[in-house]
Amino acid sequence: MLPAPSSPAAPDLPGASAAKRQQILEGAARIFAAHGYEGASMSQIARDAGVSKGTLYNYFDSKATLFSAFVQQSACQNLPRLFEPIGEKRTPEETLVGIATAMIRLTVSPVPLMLHRIIVSEAAAFPHLAETFWQNGPQKAIDIFAGWLAERTREGVLDVPDPVLAAELFYALCQTRITGRKRLQLPVDSDPAHIEAIARLAVRVFLNSFQPGRDRTTT
């Protein structure tokens, strides 16, 4: 059994302080969504969150620290849901379908779409944004899934020589059709039936490459 995704480091705060911190994070999410990272100011965030700038800086000493906390919280909330199928009694194929379906639903939900837009548009000017996002989101997901693939390979259920690369390939497959169009704000069918159909197709393509006994020789 793989360990559950670890929660991001957060200060051990009493109830009232934890609630205030959450209030600030929610205000920050709205401002980042509306103005991006560069366009957001600590004054705007404080105003939206209903706190003074002094209170805001008591919790987060910079906009970069606040953005990092927001990304970490998003990962903490989403990763456990993404990997729920791992803890259930399913066949490997159905586990993969469950993860793929959850991945597609996650990547087309509002907060991940917003974060992706910010990272892509502002990474050149603020490279730490991309690093923060990668380490707390995709990298954690890749590591968890690669661990599961390695376990299935040891059991002989799958044959995955490079679990990390395979995890990256799987997540790329999950972003086919629906996620790519959603990120560009193009019209696309994202109802549950279509999401499941794309998930099952992604899993079939993936398993065709990593079934035991497959000839990996190349000419």
N, C-alpha and C. Protein backbone atom coordinates (compact mmCIF):
# COMPACT_ATOMS: atom_id res chain seq x y z
N MET A 1 0.84 -1.19 0.00
CA MET A 1 0.00 0.00 0.00
C MET A 1 0.87 1.23 0.00
N LEU A 2 0.58 2.17 -0.90
CA LEU A 2 1.35 3.40 -0.96
C LEU A 2 0.93 4.34 0.14
N PRO A 3 1.85 5.18 0.63
CA PRO A 3 1.48 6.18 1.62
C PRO A 3 0.57 7.22 1.01
N ALA A 4 -0.28 7.80 1.85
CA ALA A 4 -1.15 8.87 1.38
C ALA A 4 -0.31 10.08 1.03
N PRO A 5 -0.79 10.91 0.08
CA PRO A 5 -0.06 12.11 -0.25
C PRO A 5 0.14 12.97 0.99
N SER A 6 1.35 13.45 1.17
CA SER A 6 1.63 14.24 2.36
C SER A 6 1.04 15.63 2.25
N SER A 7 0.62 16.17 3.36
CA SER A 7 0.08 17.51 3.39
C SER A 7 1.22 18.50 3.38
N PRO A 8 1.01 19.69 2.77
CA PRO A 8 2.04 20.68 2.78
C PRO A 8 2.28 21.21 4.17
N ALA A 9 3.50 21.64 4.40
CA ALA A 9 3.82 22.19 5.70
C ALA A 9 3.02 23.46 5.93
N ALA A 10 2.35 23.53 7.05
CA ALA A 10 1.57 24.71 7.39
C ALA A 10 1.76 24.97 8.88
N PRO A 11 1.68 26.22 9.28
CA PRO A 11 1.88 26.51 10.69
C PRO A 11 0.80 25.88 11.54
N ASP A 12 1.17 25.46 12.74
CA ASP A 12 0.22 24.88 13.68
C ASP A 12 -0.46 26.03 14.41
N LEU A 13 -1.64 26.42 13.92
CA LEU A 13 -2.32 27.61 14.42
C LEU A 13 -3.55 27.23 15.22
N PRO A 14 -3.89 28.03 16.24
CA PRO A 14 -5.16 27.82 16.94
C PRO A 14 -6.32 28.08 16.00
N GLY A 15 -7.51 27.68 16.43
CA GLY A 15 -8.68 27.74 15.56
C GLY A 15 -8.92 29.09 14.91
N ALA A 16 -8.92 30.15 15.68
CA ALA A 16 -9.21 31.48 15.14
C ALA A 16 -8.15 31.89 14.13
N SER A 17 -6.88 31.61 14.43
CA SER A 17 -5.80 31.98 13.51
C SER A 17 -5.86 31.15 12.24
N ALA A 18 -6.18 29.85 12.37
CA ALA A 18 -6.31 29.00 11.19
C ALA A 18 -7.44 29.49 10.30
N ALA A 19 -8.53 29.93 10.91
CA ALA A 19 -9.66 30.44 10.13
C ALA A 19 -9.27 31.73 9.42
N LYS A 20 -8.51 32.58 10.10
CA LYS A 20 -8.07 33.83 9.47
C LYS A 20 -7.13 33.54 8.31
N ARG A 21 -6.24 32.58 8.48
CA ARG A 21 -5.33 32.20 7.41
C ARG A 21 -6.12 31.69 6.20
N GLN A 22 -7.13 30.86 6.45
CA GLN A 22 -7.96 30.36 5.37
C GLN A 22 -8.72 31.50 4.69
N GLN A 23 -9.18 32.45 5.45
CA GLN A 23 -9.88 33.61 4.91
C GLN A 23 -8.97 34.37 3.95
N ILE A 24 -7.71 34.51 4.33
CA ILE A 24 -6.74 35.20 3.47
C ILE A 24 -6.49 34.39 2.20
N LEU A 25 -6.33 33.09 2.33
CA LEU A 25 -6.08 32.25 1.16
C LEU A 25 -7.25 32.31 0.17
N GLU A 26 -8.46 32.35 0.69
CA GLU A 26 -9.62 32.44 -0.19
C GLU A 26 -9.66 33.78 -0.92
N GLY A 27 -9.32 34.85 -0.20
CA GLY A 27 -9.24 36.15 -0.85
C GLY A 27 -8.15 36.18 -1.90
N ALA A 28 -7.01 35.57 -1.59
CA ALA A 28 -5.90 35.51 -2.54
C ALA A 28 -6.31 34.76 -3.80
N ALA A 29 -7.04 33.66 -3.64
CA ALA A 29 -7.48 32.88 -4.80
C ALA A 29 -8.33 33.74 -5.73
N ARG A 30 -9.20 34.54 -5.18
CA ARG A 30 -10.07 35.38 -6.02
C ARG A 30 -9.25 36.45 -6.75
N ILE A 31 -8.29 37.03 -6.06
CA ILE A 31 -7.48 38.09 -6.69
C ILE A 31 -6.54 37.51 -7.73
N PHE A 32 -5.90 36.39 -7.42
CA PHE A 32 -5.03 35.76 -8.41
C PHE A 32 -5.83 35.36 -9.66
N ALA A 33 -7.04 34.86 -9.44
CA ALA A 33 -7.88 34.45 -10.57
C ALA A 33 -8.25 35.65 -11.44
N ALA A 34 -8.50 36.79 -10.82
CA ALA A 34 -8.94 37.97 -11.55
C ALA A 34 -7.78 38.73 -12.20
N HIS A 35 -6.62 38.74 -11.54
CA HIS A 35 -5.54 39.64 -11.99
C HIS A 35 -4.24 38.91 -12.32
N GLY A 36 -4.16 37.60 -12.15
CA GLY A 36 -2.91 36.91 -12.33
C GLY A 36 -1.97 37.17 -11.16
N TYR A 37 -0.75 36.69 -11.29
CA TYR A 37 0.21 36.88 -10.19
C TYR A 37 0.79 38.29 -10.20
N GLU A 38 1.32 38.72 -11.32
CA GLU A 38 1.95 40.04 -11.36
C GLU A 38 0.94 41.15 -11.09
N GLY A 39 -0.27 41.00 -11.60
CA GLY A 39 -1.28 42.04 -11.44
C GLY A 39 -1.91 42.09 -10.06
N ALA A 40 -1.72 41.06 -9.26
CA ALA A 40 -2.29 41.03 -7.91
C ALA A 40 -1.38 41.79 -6.95
N SER A 41 -1.99 42.52 -6.05
CA SER A 41 -1.21 43.22 -5.02
C SER A 41 -1.65 42.74 -3.65
N MET A 42 -0.77 42.88 -2.69
CA MET A 42 -1.11 42.50 -1.32
C MET A 42 -2.24 43.38 -0.79
N SER A 43 -2.30 44.64 -1.24
CA SER A 43 -3.39 45.52 -0.81
C SER A 43 -4.73 45.00 -1.31
N GLN A 44 -4.78 44.57 -2.57
CA GLN A 44 -6.01 44.01 -3.12
C GLN A 44 -6.42 42.76 -2.36
N ILE A 45 -5.45 41.91 -2.08
CA ILE A 45 -5.75 40.66 -1.39
C ILE A 45 -6.27 40.94 0.01
N ALA A 46 -5.64 41.85 0.72
CA ALA A 46 -6.09 42.20 2.07
C ALA A 46 -7.52 42.73 2.03
N ARG A 47 -7.80 43.60 1.06
CA ARG A 47 -9.13 44.19 0.95
C ARG A 47 -10.17 43.12 0.65
N ASP A 48 -9.87 42.25 -0.30
CA ASP A 48 -10.82 41.20 -0.66
C ASP A 48 -11.04 40.23 0.49
N ALA A 49 -9.97 39.93 1.23
CA ALA A 49 -10.08 38.99 2.35
C ALA A 49 -10.69 39.62 3.59
N GLY A 50 -10.83 40.93 3.59
CA GLY A 50 -11.43 41.61 4.75
C GLY A 50 -10.50 41.69 5.94
N VAL A 51 -9.19 41.85 5.67
CA VAL A 51 -8.21 41.99 6.75
C VAL A 51 -7.33 43.20 6.47
N SER A 52 -6.63 43.66 7.47
CA SER A 52 -5.70 44.76 7.28
C SER A 52 -4.42 44.24 6.63
N LYS A 53 -3.66 45.14 6.02
CA LYS A 53 -2.39 44.72 5.43
C LYS A 53 -1.45 44.20 6.52
N GLY A 54 -1.54 44.80 7.70
CA GLY A 54 -0.70 44.34 8.80
C GLY A 54 -1.01 42.90 9.16
N THR A 55 -2.31 42.58 9.22
CA THR A 55 -2.70 41.20 9.51
C THR A 55 -2.23 40.26 8.41
N LEU A 56 -2.39 40.70 7.16
CA LEU A 56 -1.96 39.88 6.03
C LEU A 56 -0.47 39.54 6.14
N TYR A 57 0.34 40.55 6.43
CA TYR A 57 1.78 40.32 6.52
C TYR A 57 2.18 39.54 7.77
N ASN A 58 1.32 39.50 8.76
CA ASN A 58 1.59 38.65 9.92
C ASN A 58 1.54 37.17 9.53
N TYR A 59 0.72 36.87 8.53
CA TYR A 59 0.56 35.48 8.09
C TYR A 59 1.46 35.13 6.92
N PHE A 60 1.64 36.06 6.01
CA PHE A 60 2.43 35.81 4.80
C PHE A 60 3.32 37.03 4.54
N ASP A 61 4.62 36.81 4.55
CA ASP A 61 5.53 37.95 4.49
C ASP A 61 5.76 38.47 3.07
N SER A 62 5.20 37.81 2.07
CA SER A 62 5.35 38.28 0.70
C SER A 62 4.27 37.67 -0.17
N LYS A 63 4.09 38.24 -1.35
CA LYS A 63 3.13 37.68 -2.30
C LYS A 63 3.58 36.30 -2.75
N ALA A 64 4.88 36.10 -2.91
CA ALA A 64 5.39 34.79 -3.32
C ALA A 64 5.07 33.73 -2.28
N THR A 65 5.23 34.07 -1.00
CA THR A 65 4.91 33.13 0.07
C THR A 65 3.43 32.79 0.08
N LEU A 66 2.60 33.79 -0.16
CA LEU A 66 1.15 33.59 -0.18
C LEU A 66 0.75 32.72 -1.37
N PHE A 67 1.32 32.98 -2.53
CA PHE A 67 1.00 32.16 -3.70
C PHE A 67 1.43 30.72 -3.47
N SER A 68 2.60 30.53 -2.89
CA SER A 68 3.09 29.19 -2.60
C SER A 68 2.13 28.45 -1.67
N ALA A 69 1.65 29.14 -0.64
CA ALA A 69 0.71 28.53 0.30
C ALA A 69 -0.59 28.15 -0.39
N PHE A 70 -1.03 29.00 -1.30
CA PHE A 70 -2.26 28.73 -2.05
C PHE A 70 -2.10 27.48 -2.92
N VAL A 71 -0.95 27.36 -3.61
CA VAL A 71 -0.69 26.19 -4.44
C VAL A 71 -0.60 24.93 -3.58
N GLN A 72 0.10 25.03 -2.45
CA GLN A 72 0.23 23.89 -1.56
C GLN A 72 -1.11 23.43 -1.03
N GLN A 73 -1.96 24.37 -0.67
CA GLN A 73 -3.28 23.99 -0.16
C GLN A 73 -4.11 23.31 -1.25
N SER A 74 -4.03 23.83 -2.47
CA SER A 74 -4.77 23.22 -3.58
C SER A 74 -4.32 21.78 -3.80
N ALA A 75 -3.01 21.56 -3.74
CA ALA A 75 -2.49 20.20 -3.92
C ALA A 75 -2.95 19.29 -2.79
N CYS A 76 -2.92 19.80 -1.57
CA CYS A 76 -3.33 19.01 -0.41
C CYS A 76 -4.78 18.58 -0.51
N GLN A 77 -5.62 19.45 -1.06
CA GLN A 77 -7.03 19.14 -1.19
C GLN A 77 -7.32 18.19 -2.34
N ASN A 78 -6.55 18.31 -3.43
CA ASN A 78 -6.88 17.57 -4.65
C ASN A 78 -6.19 16.22 -4.79
N LEU A 79 -4.94 16.10 -4.33
CA LEU A 79 -4.21 14.85 -4.55
C LEU A 79 -4.86 13.64 -3.89
N PRO A 80 -5.35 13.75 -2.66
CA PRO A 80 -6.01 12.57 -2.07
C PRO A 80 -7.19 12.07 -2.89
N ARG A 81 -7.98 13.00 -3.45
CA ARG A 81 -9.12 12.59 -4.28
C ARG A 81 -8.65 11.94 -5.57
N LEU A 82 -7.55 12.45 -6.11
CA LEU A 82 -7.02 11.90 -7.34
C LEU A 82 -6.64 10.43 -7.19
N PHE A 83 -6.10 10.08 -6.02
CA PHE A 83 -5.58 8.72 -5.83
C PHE A 83 -6.48 7.84 -4.97
N GLU A 84 -7.73 8.22 -4.78
CA GLU A 84 -8.66 7.36 -4.06
C GLU A 84 -8.76 5.96 -4.67
N PRO A 85 -8.76 5.82 -6.01
CA PRO A 85 -8.87 4.46 -6.59
C PRO A 85 -7.76 3.51 -6.16
N ILE A 86 -6.60 4.03 -5.78
CA ILE A 86 -5.50 3.16 -5.37
C ILE A 86 -5.86 2.39 -4.10
N GLY A 87 -6.63 2.99 -3.23
CA GLY A 87 -6.98 2.34 -1.98
C GLY A 87 -8.20 1.44 -2.06
N GLU A 88 -8.81 1.35 -3.23
CA GLU A 88 -10.00 0.55 -3.40
C GLU A 88 -9.66 -0.81 -4.04
N LYS A 89 -10.53 -1.79 -3.84
CA LYS A 89 -10.30 -3.13 -4.39
C LYS A 89 -10.77 -3.15 -5.84
N ARG A 90 -9.87 -2.80 -6.73
CA ARG A 90 -10.16 -2.78 -8.16
C ARG A 90 -9.06 -3.54 -8.90
N THR A 91 -9.36 -3.95 -10.11
CA THR A 91 -8.32 -4.48 -10.97
C THR A 91 -7.38 -3.34 -11.35
N PRO A 92 -6.16 -3.66 -11.78
CA PRO A 92 -5.26 -2.58 -12.22
C PRO A 92 -5.89 -1.72 -13.31
N GLU A 93 -6.59 -2.34 -14.26
CA GLU A 93 -7.21 -1.55 -15.34
C GLU A 93 -8.25 -0.58 -14.78
N GLU A 94 -9.10 -1.07 -13.89
CA GLU A 94 -10.12 -0.19 -13.33
C GLU A 94 -9.52 0.86 -12.40
N THR A 95 -8.42 0.53 -11.73
CA THR A 95 -7.72 1.53 -10.94
C THR A 95 -7.21 2.65 -11.84
N LEU A 96 -6.62 2.26 -12.96
CA LEU A 96 -6.12 3.25 -13.91
C LEU A 96 -7.25 4.11 -14.47
N VAL A 97 -8.38 3.48 -14.77
CA VAL A 97 -9.53 4.24 -15.27
C VAL A 97 -9.99 5.24 -14.21
N GLY A 98 -10.01 4.80 -12.95
CA GLY A 98 -10.42 5.70 -11.87
C GLY A 98 -9.48 6.88 -11.74
N ILE A 99 -8.17 6.64 -11.81
CA ILE A 99 -7.20 7.73 -11.70
C ILE A 99 -7.31 8.65 -12.91
N ALA A 100 -7.45 8.08 -14.10
CA ALA A 100 -7.56 8.89 -15.31
C ALA A 100 -8.81 9.77 -15.27
N THR A 101 -9.92 9.19 -14.85
CA THR A 101 -11.16 9.97 -14.76
C THR A 101 -11.01 11.11 -13.76
N ALA A 102 -10.42 10.80 -12.60
CA ALA A 102 -10.21 11.84 -11.59
C ALA A 102 -9.25 12.91 -12.09
N MET A 103 -8.23 12.49 -12.84
CA MET A 103 -7.26 13.45 -13.37
C MET A 103 -7.93 14.42 -14.35
N ILE A 104 -8.74 13.90 -15.24
CA ILE A 104 -9.41 14.77 -16.20
C ILE A 104 -10.35 15.73 -15.48
N ARG A 105 -11.13 15.22 -14.54
CA ARG A 105 -12.04 16.09 -13.80
C ARG A 105 -11.27 17.18 -13.06
N LEU A 106 -10.12 16.80 -12.50
CA LEU A 106 -9.32 17.78 -11.76
C LEU A 106 -8.77 18.86 -12.69
N THR A 107 -8.20 18.45 -13.81
CA THR A 107 -7.53 19.43 -14.66
C THR A 107 -8.50 20.39 -15.34
N VAL A 108 -9.77 20.04 -15.41
CA VAL A 108 -10.74 20.96 -16.02
C VAL A 108 -11.58 21.69 -14.98
N SER A 109 -11.23 21.54 -13.71
CA SER A 109 -11.94 22.27 -12.66
C SER A 109 -11.37 23.68 -12.53
N PRO A 110 -12.11 24.61 -11.95
CA PRO A 110 -11.73 26.04 -12.01
C PRO A 110 -10.36 26.38 -11.45
N VAL A 111 -10.01 25.88 -10.27
CA VAL A 111 -8.73 26.29 -9.67
C VAL A 111 -7.53 25.79 -10.47
N PRO A 112 -7.46 24.50 -10.84
CA PRO A 112 -6.34 24.08 -11.68
C PRO A 112 -6.25 24.81 -13.01
N LEU A 113 -7.38 25.10 -13.63
CA LEU A 113 -7.35 25.87 -14.88
C LEU A 113 -6.77 27.26 -14.64
N MET A 114 -7.17 27.88 -13.55
CA MET A 114 -6.66 29.19 -13.21
C MET A 114 -5.17 29.16 -12.94
N LEU A 115 -4.72 28.17 -12.17
CA LEU A 115 -3.29 28.05 -11.87
C LEU A 115 -2.47 27.81 -13.14
N HIS A 116 -2.98 26.95 -14.01
CA HIS A 116 -2.26 26.69 -15.25
C HIS A 116 -2.13 27.97 -16.07
N ARG A 117 -3.18 28.75 -16.14
CA ARG A 117 -3.14 30.01 -16.90
C ARG A 117 -2.10 30.96 -16.32
N ILE A 118 -2.06 31.06 -15.00
CA ILE A 118 -1.09 31.96 -14.35
C ILE A 118 0.33 31.48 -14.61
N ILE A 119 0.57 30.19 -14.43
CA ILE A 119 1.93 29.66 -14.56
C ILE A 119 2.44 29.85 -15.98
N VAL A 120 1.63 29.50 -16.97
CA VAL A 120 2.06 29.60 -18.35
C VAL A 120 2.33 31.05 -18.74
N SER A 121 1.48 31.95 -18.31
CA SER A 121 1.61 33.34 -18.74
C SER A 121 2.73 34.09 -18.01
N GLU A 122 3.11 33.64 -16.81
CA GLU A 122 4.03 34.44 -16.01
C GLU A 122 5.31 33.72 -15.59
N ALA A 123 5.49 32.49 -16.04
CA ALA A 123 6.67 31.73 -15.63
C ALA A 123 7.97 32.36 -16.10
N ALA A 124 7.96 32.97 -17.28
CA ALA A 124 9.20 33.57 -17.79
C ALA A 124 9.68 34.70 -16.88
N ALA A 125 8.75 35.50 -16.38
CA ALA A 125 9.12 36.62 -15.51
C ALA A 125 9.28 36.18 -14.06
N PHE A 126 8.55 35.15 -13.67
CA PHE A 126 8.58 34.69 -12.28
C PHE A 126 8.80 33.17 -12.26
N PRO A 127 10.02 32.71 -12.54
CA PRO A 127 10.26 31.26 -12.64
C PRO A 127 9.94 30.50 -11.36
N HIS A 128 9.97 31.17 -10.22
CA HIS A 128 9.65 30.46 -8.98
C HIS A 128 8.21 29.99 -8.96
N LEU A 129 7.32 30.64 -9.73
CA LEU A 129 5.93 30.20 -9.79
C LEU A 129 5.85 28.80 -10.38
N ALA A 130 6.55 28.59 -11.48
CA ALA A 130 6.52 27.28 -12.13
C ALA A 130 7.11 26.22 -11.22
N GLU A 131 8.20 26.55 -10.54
CA GLU A 131 8.83 25.58 -9.63
C GLU A 131 7.90 25.22 -8.49
N THR A 132 7.25 26.23 -7.91
CA THR A 132 6.30 25.98 -6.81
C THR A 132 5.16 25.09 -7.27
N PHE A 133 4.60 25.42 -8.43
CA PHE A 133 3.48 24.65 -8.96
C PHE A 133 3.90 23.21 -9.25
N TRP A 134 5.05 23.06 -9.92
CA TRP A 134 5.50 21.72 -10.32
C TRP A 134 5.77 20.84 -9.10
N GLN A 135 6.49 21.37 -8.13
CA GLN A 135 6.87 20.56 -6.97
C GLN A 135 5.67 20.16 -6.12
N ASN A 136 4.66 21.01 -6.03
CA ASN A 136 3.52 20.74 -5.17
C ASN A 136 2.35 20.04 -5.86
N GLY A 137 2.35 20.07 -7.20
CA GLY A 137 1.27 19.44 -7.94
C GLY A 137 1.74 18.28 -8.79
N PRO A 138 2.14 18.55 -10.03
CA PRO A 138 2.53 17.46 -10.94
C PRO A 138 3.61 16.54 -10.39
N GLN A 139 4.65 17.08 -9.77
CA GLN A 139 5.73 16.21 -9.30
C GLN A 139 5.25 15.24 -8.23
N LYS A 140 4.42 15.72 -7.30
CA LYS A 140 3.88 14.82 -6.27
C LYS A 140 3.01 13.74 -6.89
N ALA A 141 2.18 14.14 -7.85
CA ALA A 141 1.30 13.17 -8.50
C ALA A 141 2.13 12.13 -9.26
N ILE A 142 3.16 12.56 -9.96
CA ILE A 142 4.02 11.64 -10.69
C ILE A 142 4.69 10.67 -9.73
N ASP A 143 5.21 11.16 -8.62
CA ASP A 143 5.90 10.30 -7.66
C ASP A 143 4.97 9.24 -7.07
N ILE A 144 3.76 9.66 -6.71
CA ILE A 144 2.81 8.71 -6.12
C ILE A 144 2.42 7.64 -7.15
N PHE A 145 2.10 8.08 -8.35
CA PHE A 145 1.68 7.12 -9.38
C PHE A 145 2.83 6.23 -9.81
N ALA A 146 4.03 6.78 -9.90
CA ALA A 146 5.21 5.97 -10.25
C ALA A 146 5.44 4.88 -9.21
N GLY A 147 5.21 5.19 -7.94
CA GLY A 147 5.33 4.18 -6.89
C GLY A 147 4.33 3.05 -7.08
N TRP A 148 3.11 3.40 -7.45
CA TRP A 148 2.08 2.37 -7.70
C TRP A 148 2.47 1.51 -8.89
N LEU A 149 2.96 2.12 -9.95
CA LEU A 149 3.39 1.37 -11.13
C LEU A 149 4.54 0.44 -10.79
N ALA A 150 5.47 0.90 -9.97
CA ALA A 150 6.60 0.05 -9.57
C ALA A 150 6.12 -1.16 -8.78
N GLU A 151 5.13 -0.97 -7.90
CA GLU A 151 4.58 -2.09 -7.14
C GLU A 151 3.92 -3.11 -8.06
N ARG A 152 3.14 -2.63 -9.03
CA ARG A 152 2.47 -3.55 -9.96
C ARG A 152 3.50 -4.28 -10.83
N THR A 153 4.61 -3.64 -11.13
CA THR A 153 5.67 -4.30 -11.91
C THR A 153 6.32 -5.40 -11.08
N ARG A 154 6.58 -5.13 -9.80
CA ARG A 154 7.16 -6.17 -8.93
C ARG A 154 6.23 -7.36 -8.79
N GLU A 155 4.92 -7.11 -8.85
CA GLU A 155 3.95 -8.20 -8.75
C GLU A 155 3.79 -8.95 -10.06
N GLY A 156 4.33 -8.39 -11.15
CA GLY A 156 4.18 -9.02 -12.45
C GLY A 156 2.90 -8.67 -13.17
N VAL A 157 2.14 -7.75 -12.61
CA VAL A 157 0.86 -7.36 -13.22
C VAL A 157 1.10 -6.42 -14.41
N LEU A 158 2.09 -5.55 -14.28
CA LEU A 158 2.50 -4.65 -15.35
C LEU A 158 4.00 -4.83 -15.59
N ASP A 159 4.46 -4.29 -16.69
CA ASP A 159 5.89 -4.32 -17.00
C ASP A 159 6.31 -2.89 -17.36
N VAL A 160 6.76 -2.15 -16.35
CA VAL A 160 7.06 -0.73 -16.51
C VAL A 160 8.53 -0.51 -16.16
N PRO A 161 9.41 -0.48 -17.15
CA PRO A 161 10.83 -0.32 -16.86
C PRO A 161 11.18 1.01 -16.20
N ASP A 162 10.50 2.08 -16.58
CA ASP A 162 10.77 3.42 -16.03
C ASP A 162 9.45 3.99 -15.51
N PRO A 163 9.13 3.73 -14.24
CA PRO A 163 7.83 4.16 -13.71
C PRO A 163 7.62 5.67 -13.76
N VAL A 164 8.66 6.46 -13.57
CA VAL A 164 8.50 7.92 -13.58
C VAL A 164 8.12 8.39 -14.99
N LEU A 165 8.84 7.91 -15.99
CA LEU A 165 8.50 8.28 -17.37
C LEU A 165 7.10 7.79 -17.73
N ALA A 166 6.76 6.57 -17.31
CA ALA A 166 5.43 6.04 -17.60
C ALA A 166 4.34 6.88 -16.95
N ALA A 167 4.59 7.34 -15.72
CA ALA A 167 3.62 8.21 -15.04
C ALA A 167 3.42 9.50 -15.82
N GLU A 168 4.51 10.07 -16.31
CA GLU A 168 4.39 11.30 -17.09
C GLU A 168 3.61 11.05 -18.39
N LEU A 169 3.87 9.91 -19.04
CA LEU A 169 3.14 9.57 -20.25
C LEU A 169 1.65 9.41 -19.97
N PHE A 170 1.32 8.76 -18.85
CA PHE A 170 -0.07 8.55 -18.49
C PHE A 170 -0.79 9.88 -18.30
N TYR A 171 -0.16 10.79 -17.58
CA TYR A 171 -0.81 12.08 -17.33
C TYR A 171 -0.95 12.88 -18.61
N ALA A 172 0.02 12.72 -19.54
CA ALA A 172 -0.12 13.38 -20.83
C ALA A 172 -1.31 12.83 -21.61
N LEU A 173 -1.50 11.51 -21.57
CA LEU A 173 -2.65 10.90 -22.23
C LEU A 173 -3.96 11.43 -21.64
N CYS A 174 -3.98 11.63 -20.34
CA CYS A 174 -5.20 12.10 -19.68
C CYS A 174 -5.57 13.54 -20.07
N GLN A 175 -4.63 14.26 -20.62
CA GLN A 175 -4.89 15.65 -21.02
C GLN A 175 -5.31 15.77 -22.48
N THR A 176 -5.54 14.61 -23.13
CA THR A 176 -5.98 14.60 -24.52
C THR A 176 -7.42 15.10 -24.63
N ARG A 177 -7.68 15.82 -25.69
CA ARG A 177 -9.01 16.26 -26.10
C ARG A 177 -9.66 17.27 -25.15
N ILE A 178 -10.04 16.84 -23.95
CA ILE A 178 -10.85 17.71 -23.10
C ILE A 178 -10.01 18.77 -22.42
N THR A 179 -8.95 18.37 -21.71
CA THR A 179 -8.16 19.32 -20.93
C THR A 179 -7.49 20.37 -21.82
N GLY A 180 -6.90 19.93 -22.91
CA GLY A 180 -6.23 20.87 -23.80
C GLY A 180 -7.17 21.95 -24.31
N ARG A 181 -8.37 21.57 -24.67
CA ARG A 181 -9.33 22.56 -25.17
C ARG A 181 -9.85 23.46 -24.06
N LYS A 182 -10.08 22.88 -22.90
CA LYS A 182 -10.54 23.69 -21.77
C LYS A 182 -9.52 24.77 -21.42
N ARG A 183 -8.22 24.42 -21.45
CA ARG A 183 -7.19 25.38 -21.10
C ARG A 183 -7.14 26.54 -22.09
N LEU A 184 -7.56 26.29 -23.32
CA LEU A 184 -7.61 27.34 -24.33
C LEU A 184 -8.99 27.99 -24.42
N GLN A 185 -9.87 27.59 -23.50
CA GLN A 185 -11.24 28.13 -23.46
C GLN A 185 -11.99 27.87 -24.77
N LEU A 186 -11.71 26.70 -25.36
CA LEU A 186 -12.41 26.29 -26.56
C LEU A 186 -13.60 25.41 -26.17
N PRO A 187 -14.65 25.37 -26.98
CA PRO A 187 -15.79 24.52 -26.66
C PRO A 187 -15.41 23.05 -26.75
N VAL A 188 -15.83 22.28 -25.77
CA VAL A 188 -15.56 20.85 -25.75
C VAL A 188 -16.57 20.17 -24.84
N ASP A 189 -16.93 18.97 -25.21
CA ASP A 189 -17.86 18.17 -24.41
C ASP A 189 -17.12 17.67 -23.16
N SER A 190 -17.54 18.11 -21.99
CA SER A 190 -16.90 17.67 -20.75
C SER A 190 -17.90 17.04 -19.80
N ASP A 191 -18.95 16.44 -20.36
CA ASP A 191 -19.89 15.76 -19.47
C ASP A 191 -19.28 14.46 -18.97
N PRO A 192 -19.80 13.89 -17.89
CA PRO A 192 -19.17 12.72 -17.26
C PRO A 192 -18.96 11.54 -18.22
N ALA A 193 -19.90 11.30 -19.12
CA ALA A 193 -19.77 10.17 -20.04
C ALA A 193 -18.58 10.36 -20.98
N HIS A 194 -18.39 11.58 -21.46
CA HIS A 194 -17.27 11.83 -22.37
C HIS A 194 -15.95 11.77 -21.61
N ILE A 195 -15.92 12.28 -20.39
CA ILE A 195 -14.70 12.18 -19.58
C ILE A 195 -14.32 10.72 -19.36
N GLU A 196 -15.31 9.87 -19.04
CA GLU A 196 -15.01 8.45 -18.83
C GLU A 196 -14.54 7.79 -20.12
N ALA A 197 -15.13 8.18 -21.24
CA ALA A 197 -14.72 7.58 -22.52
C ALA A 197 -13.26 7.93 -22.83
N ILE A 198 -12.87 9.17 -22.60
CA ILE A 198 -11.49 9.58 -22.84
C ILE A 198 -10.56 8.86 -21.85
N ALA A 199 -11.00 8.73 -20.61
CA ALA A 199 -10.19 8.04 -19.59
C ALA A 199 -9.95 6.59 -19.99
N ARG A 200 -10.97 5.90 -20.44
CA ARG A 200 -10.83 4.49 -20.82
C ARG A 200 -9.93 4.35 -22.06
N LEU A 201 -10.05 5.26 -23.00
CA LEU A 201 -9.18 5.20 -24.16
C LEU A 201 -7.72 5.43 -23.76
N ALA A 202 -7.49 6.40 -22.88
CA ALA A 202 -6.12 6.67 -22.41
C ALA A 202 -5.54 5.44 -21.72
N VAL A 203 -6.36 4.75 -20.93
CA VAL A 203 -5.89 3.56 -20.23
C VAL A 203 -5.58 2.44 -21.22
N ARG A 204 -6.40 2.25 -22.23
CA ARG A 204 -6.12 1.21 -23.22
C ARG A 204 -4.79 1.47 -23.94
N VAL A 205 -4.57 2.72 -24.32
CA VAL A 205 -3.30 3.06 -24.97
C VAL A 205 -2.13 2.80 -24.03
N PHE A 206 -2.29 3.19 -22.77
CA PHE A 206 -1.24 3.00 -21.78
C PHE A 206 -0.94 1.53 -21.56
N LEU A 207 -1.97 0.72 -21.38
CA LEU A 207 -1.76 -0.70 -21.12
C LEU A 207 -1.17 -1.43 -22.32
N ASN A 208 -1.46 -0.95 -23.52
CA ASN A 208 -0.87 -1.57 -24.70
C ASN A 208 0.65 -1.48 -24.69
N SER A 209 1.18 -0.49 -23.98
CA SER A 209 2.63 -0.31 -23.90
C SER A 209 3.26 -1.03 -22.72
N PHE A 210 2.46 -1.32 -21.69
CA PHE A 210 3.06 -1.81 -20.44
C PHE A 210 2.47 -3.11 -19.93
N GLN A 211 1.84 -3.88 -20.82
CA GLN A 211 1.37 -5.20 -20.44
C GLN A 211 2.58 -6.14 -20.34
N PRO A 212 2.58 -7.05 -19.37
CA PRO A 212 3.69 -8.03 -19.27
C PRO A 212 3.80 -8.86 -20.56
N GLY A 213 5.04 -9.17 -20.92
CA GLY A 213 5.28 -10.01 -22.08
C GLY A 213 5.35 -9.27 -23.39
N ARG A 214 5.13 -7.96 -23.36
CA ARG A 214 5.18 -7.19 -24.60
C ARG A 214 6.63 -7.11 -25.08
N ASP A 215 6.83 -7.30 -26.39
CA ASP A 215 8.16 -7.23 -26.98
C ASP A 215 8.61 -5.78 -27.07
N ARG A 216 9.68 -5.43 -26.35
CA ARG A 216 10.16 -4.05 -26.37
C ARG A 216 11.34 -3.84 -27.31
N THR A 217 11.69 -4.84 -28.09
CA THR A 217 12.81 -4.66 -29.00
C THR A 217 12.42 -3.73 -30.12
N THR A 218 13.39 -2.97 -30.59
CA THR A 218 13.14 -2.03 -31.69
C THR A 218 14.06 -2.38 -32.84
N THR A 219 13.63 -2.01 -34.02
CA THR A 219 14.43 -2.28 -35.21
C THR A 219 15.10 -1.02 -35.69
